[in-house]
């Protein structure tokens, strides 16, 4: 797929009514990079509604690294349950908060390279924090973005990290931040992993359906 065709698709999706991913919705409530970082960690392998509830409960008790460090691991686990891997996430949240206080004056760094130094932070999380927390260029690639980019034939990659690197070379920068929101919402509602809803798809005429064996 050519970039021109992909941009036409993105413009159509931008006009299609789809619910934004939960971390984007949380960002609309706060521009605080710390809460965006913690919300993103909670969202990993967790449904949006569960992430929303867990984030709200946790931030009612602690909204800053200093406040978070007043809680113990068990208290955080109880607040964020039943997010996926809540034991590990509680540990990571404490470790991240401690590192921020000790090494970063309690301020979340605004670079991907610095964020990747934190325990439990991968490229997806780092890109989301940089884009949503600081408004800087970045491309967040999760399973939806990776799958759909390959389904379109815009990339031909094996992993989300490799998809990000190809997109950074091909996709015009003005679409970097919105790309994740549009494709995640699209992937959650229409372009599903198995048996996508092609009959309801607003961009079906452009899609080569690479790898799709069955669709509705």
C-alpha atoms as a PDB file:
ATOM      1  CA  UNK A   1       0.000   0.000   0.000  1.00  0.00           C
ATOM      2  CA  UNK A   2       1.267   3.442  -0.915  1.00  0.00           C
ATOM      3  CA  UNK A   3       1.466   6.235   1.638  1.00  0.00           C
ATOM      4  CA  UNK A   4      -1.094   8.256  -0.334  1.00  0.00           C
ATOM      5  CA  UNK A   5      -3.631   5.455   0.039  1.00  0.00           C
ATOM      6  CA  UNK A   6      -2.899   5.075   3.750  1.00  0.00           C
ATOM      7  CA  UNK A   7      -3.422   8.791   4.307  1.00  0.00           C
ATOM      8  CA  UNK A   8      -6.818   8.569   2.588  1.00  0.00           C
ATOM      9  CA  UNK A   9      -7.687   5.721   4.957  1.00  0.00           C
ATOM     10  CA  UNK A  10      -6.602   7.719   8.010  1.00  0.00           C
ATOM     11  CA  UNK A  11      -8.678  10.713   6.943  1.00  0.00           C
ATOM     12  CA  UNK A  12     -11.748   8.482   6.597  1.00  0.00           C
ATOM     13  CA  UNK A  13     -11.134   6.831   9.963  1.00  0.00           C
ATOM     14  CA  UNK A  14     -10.705  10.260  11.564  1.00  0.00           C
ATOM     15  CA  UNK A  15     -14.286  11.061  10.500  1.00  0.00           C
ATOM     16  CA  UNK A  16     -15.642   7.687  11.673  1.00  0.00           C
ATOM     17  CA  UNK A  17     -17.222   7.574  15.109  1.00  0.00           C
ATOM     18  CA  UNK A  18     -15.087   5.251  17.212  1.00  0.00           C
ATOM     19  CA  UNK A  19     -14.318   5.340  20.918  1.00  0.00           C
ATOM     20  CA  UNK A  20     -10.777   6.471  21.684  1.00  0.00           C
ATOM     21  CA  UNK A  21      -8.430   4.148  23.599  1.00  0.00           C
ATOM     22  CA  UNK A  22      -8.610   4.495  27.378  1.00  0.00           C
ATOM     23  CA  UNK A  23      -5.188   6.093  27.878  1.00  0.00           C
ATOM     24  CA  UNK A  24      -6.152   8.860  25.453  1.00  0.00           C
ATOM     25  CA  UNK A  25      -9.362   9.408  27.398  1.00  0.00           C
ATOM     26  CA  UNK A  26      -7.356   9.559  30.642  1.00  0.00           C
ATOM     27  CA  UNK A  27      -5.050  12.091  28.997  1.00  0.00           C
ATOM     28  CA  UNK A  28      -8.076  14.299  28.301  1.00  0.00           C
ATOM     29  CA  UNK A  29      -8.742  14.398  32.038  1.00  0.00           C
ATOM     30  CA  UNK A  30      -5.153  15.281  32.922  1.00  0.00           C
ATOM     31  CA  UNK A  31      -2.034  16.467  31.130  1.00  0.00           C
ATOM     32  CA  UNK A  32       0.136  15.022  33.889  1.00  0.00           C
ATOM     33  CA  UNK A  33       2.865  12.801  32.344  1.00  0.00           C
ATOM     34  CA  UNK A  34       3.132  10.788  35.579  1.00  0.00           C
ATOM     35  CA  UNK A  35      -0.507   9.746  35.559  1.00  0.00           C
ATOM     36  CA  UNK A  36      -0.329   9.026  31.837  1.00  0.00           C
ATOM     37  CA  UNK A  37       2.720   6.825  32.472  1.00  0.00           C
ATOM     38  CA  UNK A  38       1.053   4.896  35.298  1.00  0.00           C
ATOM     39  CA  UNK A  39      -2.219   4.541  33.366  1.00  0.00           C
ATOM     40  CA  UNK A  40      -0.342   3.175  30.379  1.00  0.00           C
ATOM     41  CA  UNK A  41       1.386   0.584  32.553  1.00  0.00           C
ATOM     42  CA  UNK A  42      -1.977  -0.451  33.995  1.00  0.00           C
ATOM     43  CA  UNK A  43      -3.466  -0.739  30.498  1.00  0.00           C
ATOM     44  CA  UNK A  44      -0.996  -3.354  29.270  1.00  0.00           C
ATOM     45  CA  UNK A  45      -2.852  -6.614  28.556  1.00  0.00           C
ATOM     46  CA  UNK A  46      -5.913  -5.211  30.291  1.00  0.00           C
ATOM     47  CA  UNK A  47      -9.349  -4.237  28.983  1.00  0.00           C
ATOM     48  CA  UNK A  48     -10.127  -0.529  28.795  1.00  0.00           C
ATOM     49  CA  UNK A  49     -12.968  -0.570  31.309  1.00  0.00           C
ATOM     50  CA  UNK A  50     -10.778  -2.367  33.876  1.00  0.00           C
ATOM     51  CA  UNK A  51      -7.931   0.096  33.295  1.00  0.00           C
ATOM     52  CA  UNK A  52     -10.281   3.045  33.746  1.00  0.00           C
ATOM     53  CA  UNK A  53     -11.607   1.813  37.082  1.00  0.00           C
ATOM     54  CA  UNK A  54      -8.162   0.845  38.373  1.00  0.00           C
ATOM     55  CA  UNK A  55      -6.613   4.170  37.376  1.00  0.00           C
ATOM     56  CA  UNK A  56      -9.382   6.122  39.073  1.00  0.00           C
ATOM     57  CA  UNK A  57      -9.061   4.150  42.312  1.00  0.00           C
ATOM     58  CA  UNK A  58      -5.283   4.442  42.359  1.00  0.00           C
ATOM     59  CA  UNK A  59      -5.164   8.172  41.624  1.00  0.00           C
ATOM     60  CA  UNK A  60      -7.686   8.880  44.343  1.00  0.00           C
ATOM     61  CA  UNK A  61      -4.983   7.679  46.741  1.00  0.00           C
ATOM     62  CA  UNK A  62      -1.830   8.849  44.959  1.00  0.00           C
ATOM     63  CA  UNK A  63      -1.298  11.290  42.097  1.00  0.00           C
ATOM     64  CA  UNK A  64       2.426  11.961  42.439  1.00  0.00           C
ATOM     65  CA  UNK A  65       5.531   9.805  42.892  1.00  0.00           C
ATOM     66  CA  UNK A  66       5.860  11.052  46.479  1.00  0.00           C
ATOM     67  CA  UNK A  67       2.285  10.064  47.304  1.00  0.00           C
ATOM     68  CA  UNK A  68       2.697   6.696  45.567  1.00  0.00           C
ATOM     69  CA  UNK A  69       5.713   5.847  47.704  1.00  0.00           C
ATOM     70  CA  UNK A  70       3.563   6.250  50.835  1.00  0.00           C
ATOM     71  CA  UNK A  71       1.631   3.164  49.702  1.00  0.00           C
ATOM     72  CA  UNK A  72       3.009  -0.342  50.016  1.00  0.00           C
ATOM     73  CA  UNK A  73       2.917  -3.021  47.333  1.00  0.00           C
ATOM     74  CA  UNK A  74      -0.129  -4.761  48.816  1.00  0.00           C
ATOM     75  CA  UNK A  75      -2.120  -1.530  48.965  1.00  0.00           C
ATOM     76  CA  UNK A  76      -1.386  -0.793  45.307  1.00  0.00           C
ATOM     77  CA  UNK A  77      -2.287  -4.354  44.330  1.00  0.00           C
ATOM     78  CA  UNK A  78      -5.660  -4.011  46.051  1.00  0.00           C
ATOM     79  CA  UNK A  79      -6.325  -0.691  44.300  1.00  0.00           C
ATOM     80  CA  UNK A  80      -5.459  -1.864  40.782  1.00  0.00           C
ATOM     81  CA  UNK A  81      -6.917  -5.395  40.931  1.00  0.00           C
ATOM     82  CA  UNK A  82      -8.005  -7.041  38.605  1.00  0.00           C
ATOM     83  CA  UNK A  83      -5.715  -5.526  35.934  1.00  0.00           C
ATOM     84  CA  UNK A  84      -3.533  -8.079  34.213  1.00  0.00           C
ATOM     85  CA  UNK A  85      -0.299  -8.958  36.052  1.00  0.00           C
ATOM     86  CA  UNK A  86      -1.279  -6.678  38.938  1.00  0.00           C
ATOM     87  CA  UNK A  87       1.405  -8.089  41.266  1.00  0.00           C
ATOM     88  CA  UNK A  88       4.181  -7.180  38.831  1.00  0.00           C
ATOM     89  CA  UNK A  89       2.599  -3.848  37.913  1.00  0.00           C
ATOM     90  CA  UNK A  90       2.357  -2.798  41.559  1.00  0.00           C
ATOM     91  CA  UNK A  91       6.050  -3.590  41.961  1.00  0.00           C
ATOM     92  CA  UNK A  92       6.929  -1.657  38.802  1.00  0.00           C
ATOM     93  CA  UNK A  93       4.857   1.357  39.842  1.00  0.00           C
ATOM     94  CA  UNK A  94       6.734   1.563  43.131  1.00  0.00           C
ATOM     95  CA  UNK A  95      10.106   1.103  41.439  1.00  0.00           C
ATOM     96  CA  UNK A  96       9.321   3.768  38.824  1.00  0.00           C
ATOM     97  CA  UNK A  97       8.116   6.213  41.480  1.00  0.00           C
ATOM     98  CA  UNK A  98      11.245   5.623  43.552  1.00  0.00           C
ATOM     99  CA  UNK A  99      13.508   6.177  40.542  1.00  0.00           C
ATOM    100  CA  UNK A 100      11.669   9.374  39.603  1.00  0.00           C
ATOM    101  CA  UNK A 101      12.076  10.790  43.099  1.00  0.00           C
ATOM    102  CA  UNK A 102      15.714   9.774  43.495  1.00  0.00           C
ATOM    103  CA  UNK A 103      17.036  10.511  40.006  1.00  0.00           C
ATOM    104  CA  UNK A 104      14.635  12.828  38.182  1.00  0.00           C
ATOM    105  CA  UNK A 105      13.409  15.290  40.809  1.00  0.00           C
ATOM    106  CA  UNK A 106      10.031  13.474  40.668  1.00  0.00           C
ATOM    107  CA  UNK A 107       9.561  14.570  37.040  1.00  0.00           C
ATOM    108  CA  UNK A 108       8.833  12.112  34.224  1.00  0.00           C
ATOM    109  CA  UNK A 109      11.494  12.464  31.501  1.00  0.00           C
ATOM    110  CA  UNK A 110      10.275  13.462  28.061  1.00  0.00           C
ATOM    111  CA  UNK A 111      12.573  11.303  25.941  1.00  0.00           C
ATOM    112  CA  UNK A 112      11.944   7.743  24.799  1.00  0.00           C
ATOM    113  CA  UNK A 113      15.506   6.694  25.576  1.00  0.00           C
ATOM    114  CA  UNK A 114      15.231   7.855  29.184  1.00  0.00           C
ATOM    115  CA  UNK A 115      11.808   6.268  29.679  1.00  0.00           C
ATOM    116  CA  UNK A 116      13.095   2.921  28.409  1.00  0.00           C
ATOM    117  CA  UNK A 117      15.469   2.827  31.394  1.00  0.00           C
ATOM    118  CA  UNK A 118      12.512   2.405  33.763  1.00  0.00           C
ATOM    119  CA  UNK A 119      11.412  -1.026  34.924  1.00  0.00           C
ATOM    120  CA  UNK A 120       8.369  -2.269  33.024  1.00  0.00           C
ATOM    121  CA  UNK A 121       8.523   0.445  30.349  1.00  0.00           C
ATOM    122  CA  UNK A 122       8.761  -0.741  26.741  1.00  0.00           C
ATOM    123  CA  UNK A 123       8.609   1.182  23.491  1.00  0.00           C
ATOM    124  CA  UNK A 124       4.797   1.222  23.390  1.00  0.00           C
ATOM    125  CA  UNK A 125       4.593   2.815  26.845  1.00  0.00           C
ATOM    126  CA  UNK A 126       7.457   5.217  26.188  1.00  0.00           C
ATOM    127  CA  UNK A 127       5.913   6.441  22.938  1.00  0.00           C
ATOM    128  CA  UNK A 128       2.500   6.953  24.548  1.00  0.00           C
ATOM    129  CA  UNK A 129       4.004   9.007  27.383  1.00  0.00           C
ATOM    130  CA  UNK A 130       6.057  11.123  24.989  1.00  0.00           C
ATOM    131  CA  UNK A 131       3.121  11.788  22.660  1.00  0.00           C
ATOM    132  CA  UNK A 132       0.261  12.159  25.132  1.00  0.00           C
ATOM    133  CA  UNK A 133       2.210  13.538  28.079  1.00  0.00           C
ATOM    134  CA  UNK A 134       4.470  15.954  26.224  1.00  0.00           C
ATOM    135  CA  UNK A 135       2.966  16.343  22.735  1.00  0.00           C
ATOM    136  CA  UNK A 136       6.240  15.270  21.127  1.00  0.00           C
ATOM    137  CA  UNK A 137       6.491  13.142  17.967  1.00  0.00           C
ATOM    138  CA  UNK A 138       6.271   9.419  18.522  1.00  0.00           C
ATOM    139  CA  UNK A 139       4.569   6.345  17.107  1.00  0.00           C
ATOM    140  CA  UNK A 140       2.991   3.993  19.601  1.00  0.00           C
ATOM    141  CA  UNK A 141       2.700   0.501  18.131  1.00  0.00           C
ATOM    142  CA  UNK A 142       0.635  -2.079  19.986  1.00  0.00           C
ATOM    143  CA  UNK A 143      -0.831  -5.335  18.681  1.00  0.00           C
ATOM    144  CA  UNK A 144      -3.660  -3.507  16.847  1.00  0.00           C
ATOM    145  CA  UNK A 145      -1.345  -1.060  15.083  1.00  0.00           C
ATOM    146  CA  UNK A 146       1.123  -3.826  14.214  1.00  0.00           C
ATOM    147  CA  UNK A 147      -1.577  -6.167  12.896  1.00  0.00           C
ATOM    148  CA  UNK A 148      -3.507  -3.610  10.859  1.00  0.00           C
ATOM    149  CA  UNK A 149      -0.419  -1.975   9.361  1.00  0.00           C
ATOM    150  CA  UNK A 150       0.578  -5.417   8.073  1.00  0.00           C
ATOM    151  CA  UNK A 151      -3.002  -6.214   7.014  1.00  0.00           C
ATOM    152  CA  UNK A 152      -2.965  -3.054   4.910  1.00  0.00           C
ATOM    153  CA  UNK A 153       0.339  -4.099   3.388  1.00  0.00           C
ATOM    154  CA  UNK A 154       1.873  -0.763   4.403  1.00  0.00           C
ATOM    155  CA  UNK A 155       4.560  -2.648   6.341  1.00  0.00           C
ATOM    156  CA  UNK A 156       5.773  -6.217   6.261  1.00  0.00           C
ATOM    157  CA  UNK A 157       7.174  -6.839   9.721  1.00  0.00           C
ATOM    158  CA  UNK A 158       7.341  -9.531  12.382  1.00  0.00           C
ATOM    159  CA  UNK A 159       7.195  -7.470  15.591  1.00  0.00           C
ATOM    160  CA  UNK A 160       5.630  -4.210  16.856  1.00  0.00           C
ATOM    161  CA  UNK A 161       9.097  -2.702  17.419  1.00  0.00           C
ATOM    162  CA  UNK A 162      10.045  -3.337  13.784  1.00  0.00           C
ATOM    163  CA  UNK A 163       6.699  -1.910  12.666  1.00  0.00           C
ATOM    164  CA  UNK A 164       7.457   1.280  14.588  1.00  0.00           C
ATOM    165  CA  UNK A 165      10.831   1.661  12.901  1.00  0.00           C
ATOM    166  CA  UNK A 166       9.332   1.236   9.407  1.00  0.00           C
ATOM    167  CA  UNK A 167       6.496   3.659  10.187  1.00  0.00           C
ATOM    168  CA  UNK A 168       9.004   6.259  11.384  1.00  0.00           C
ATOM    169  CA  UNK A 169      10.591   6.140   7.918  1.00  0.00           C
ATOM    170  CA  UNK A 170       7.393   6.023   5.845  1.00  0.00           C
ATOM    171  CA  UNK A 171       4.545   7.722   7.688  1.00  0.00           C
ATOM    172  CA  UNK A 172       4.394  11.560   7.560  1.00  0.00           C
ATOM    173  CA  UNK A 173       5.156  12.934  11.013  1.00  0.00           C
ATOM    174  CA  UNK A 174       1.924  14.903  11.278  1.00  0.00           C
ATOM    175  CA  UNK A 175       0.096  11.572  11.561  1.00  0.00           C
ATOM    176  CA  UNK A 176       2.402   9.912  14.093  1.00  0.00           C
ATOM    177  CA  UNK A 177       0.455  10.766  17.227  1.00  0.00           C
ATOM    178  CA  UNK A 178      -3.012  10.094  15.787  1.00  0.00           C
ATOM    179  CA  UNK A 179      -2.014   6.840  14.100  1.00  0.00           C
ATOM    180  CA  UNK A 180      -2.228   4.824  17.313  1.00  0.00           C
ATOM    181  CA  UNK A 181      -5.592   6.249  18.390  1.00  0.00           C
ATOM    182  CA  UNK A 182      -7.196   5.651  15.008  1.00  0.00           C
ATOM    183  CA  UNK A 183      -5.915   2.123  14.496  1.00  0.00           C
ATOM    184  CA  UNK A 184      -6.508   0.961  18.076  1.00  0.00           C
ATOM    185  CA  UNK A 185     -10.117   2.160  17.987  1.00  0.00           C
ATOM    186  CA  UNK A 186     -10.502   0.662  14.492  1.00  0.00           C
ATOM    187  CA  UNK A 187      -8.992  -2.633  15.636  1.00  0.00           C
ATOM    188  CA  UNK A 188     -11.182  -2.853  18.715  1.00  0.00           C
ATOM    189  CA  UNK A 189     -14.429  -2.193  16.866  1.00  0.00           C
ATOM    190  CA  UNK A 190     -14.140  -3.277  13.213  1.00  0.00           C
ATOM    191  CA  UNK A 191     -10.754  -4.590  12.078  1.00  0.00           C
ATOM    192  CA  UNK A 192     -10.606  -7.359  14.658  1.00  0.00           C
ATOM    193  CA  UNK A 193      -7.858 -10.003  14.781  1.00  0.00           C
ATOM    194  CA  UNK A 194     -10.157 -12.869  13.793  1.00  0.00           C
ATOM    195  CA  UNK A 195     -13.073 -12.497  11.389  1.00  0.00           C
ATOM    196  CA  UNK A 196     -13.003  -8.693  10.995  1.00  0.00           C
ATOM    197  CA  UNK A 197     -16.232  -6.867  10.195  1.00  0.00           C
ATOM    198  CA  UNK A 198     -15.344  -6.065   6.587  1.00  0.00           C
ATOM    199  CA  UNK A 199     -19.008  -5.589   5.623  1.00  0.00           C
ATOM    200  CA  UNK A 200     -19.166  -2.609   8.006  1.00  0.00           C
ATOM    201  CA  UNK A 201     -15.700  -1.268   7.256  1.00  0.00           C
ATOM    202  CA  UNK A 202     -15.572   2.336   5.970  1.00  0.00           C
ATOM    203  CA  UNK A 203     -12.274   1.734   4.171  1.00  0.00           C
ATOM    204  CA  UNK A 204     -12.925  -1.771   2.751  1.00  0.00           C
ATOM    205  CA  UNK A 205     -12.373  -0.576  -0.818  1.00  0.00           C
ATOM    206  CA  UNK A 206      -8.753   0.301  -0.006  1.00  0.00           C
ATOM    207  CA  UNK A 207      -7.854  -2.759   2.069  1.00  0.00           C
ATOM    208  CA  UNK A 208      -6.090  -5.748   0.476  1.00  0.00           C
ATOM    209  CA  UNK A 209      -7.010  -7.858   3.541  1.00  0.00           C
ATOM    210  CA  UNK A 210      -3.562  -9.424   3.765  1.00  0.00           C
ATOM    211  CA  UNK A 211      -3.648 -12.477   6.028  1.00  0.00           C
ATOM    212  CA  UNK A 212      -7.435 -12.377   6.470  1.00  0.00           C
ATOM    213  CA  UNK A 213      -8.894 -15.861   6.000  1.00  0.00           C
ATOM    214  CA  UNK A 214     -12.444 -15.205   7.194  1.00  0.00           C
ATOM    215  CA  UNK A 215     -14.404 -12.008   7.544  1.00  0.00           C
ATOM    216  CA  UNK A 216     -17.942 -10.876   8.216  1.00  0.00           C
END
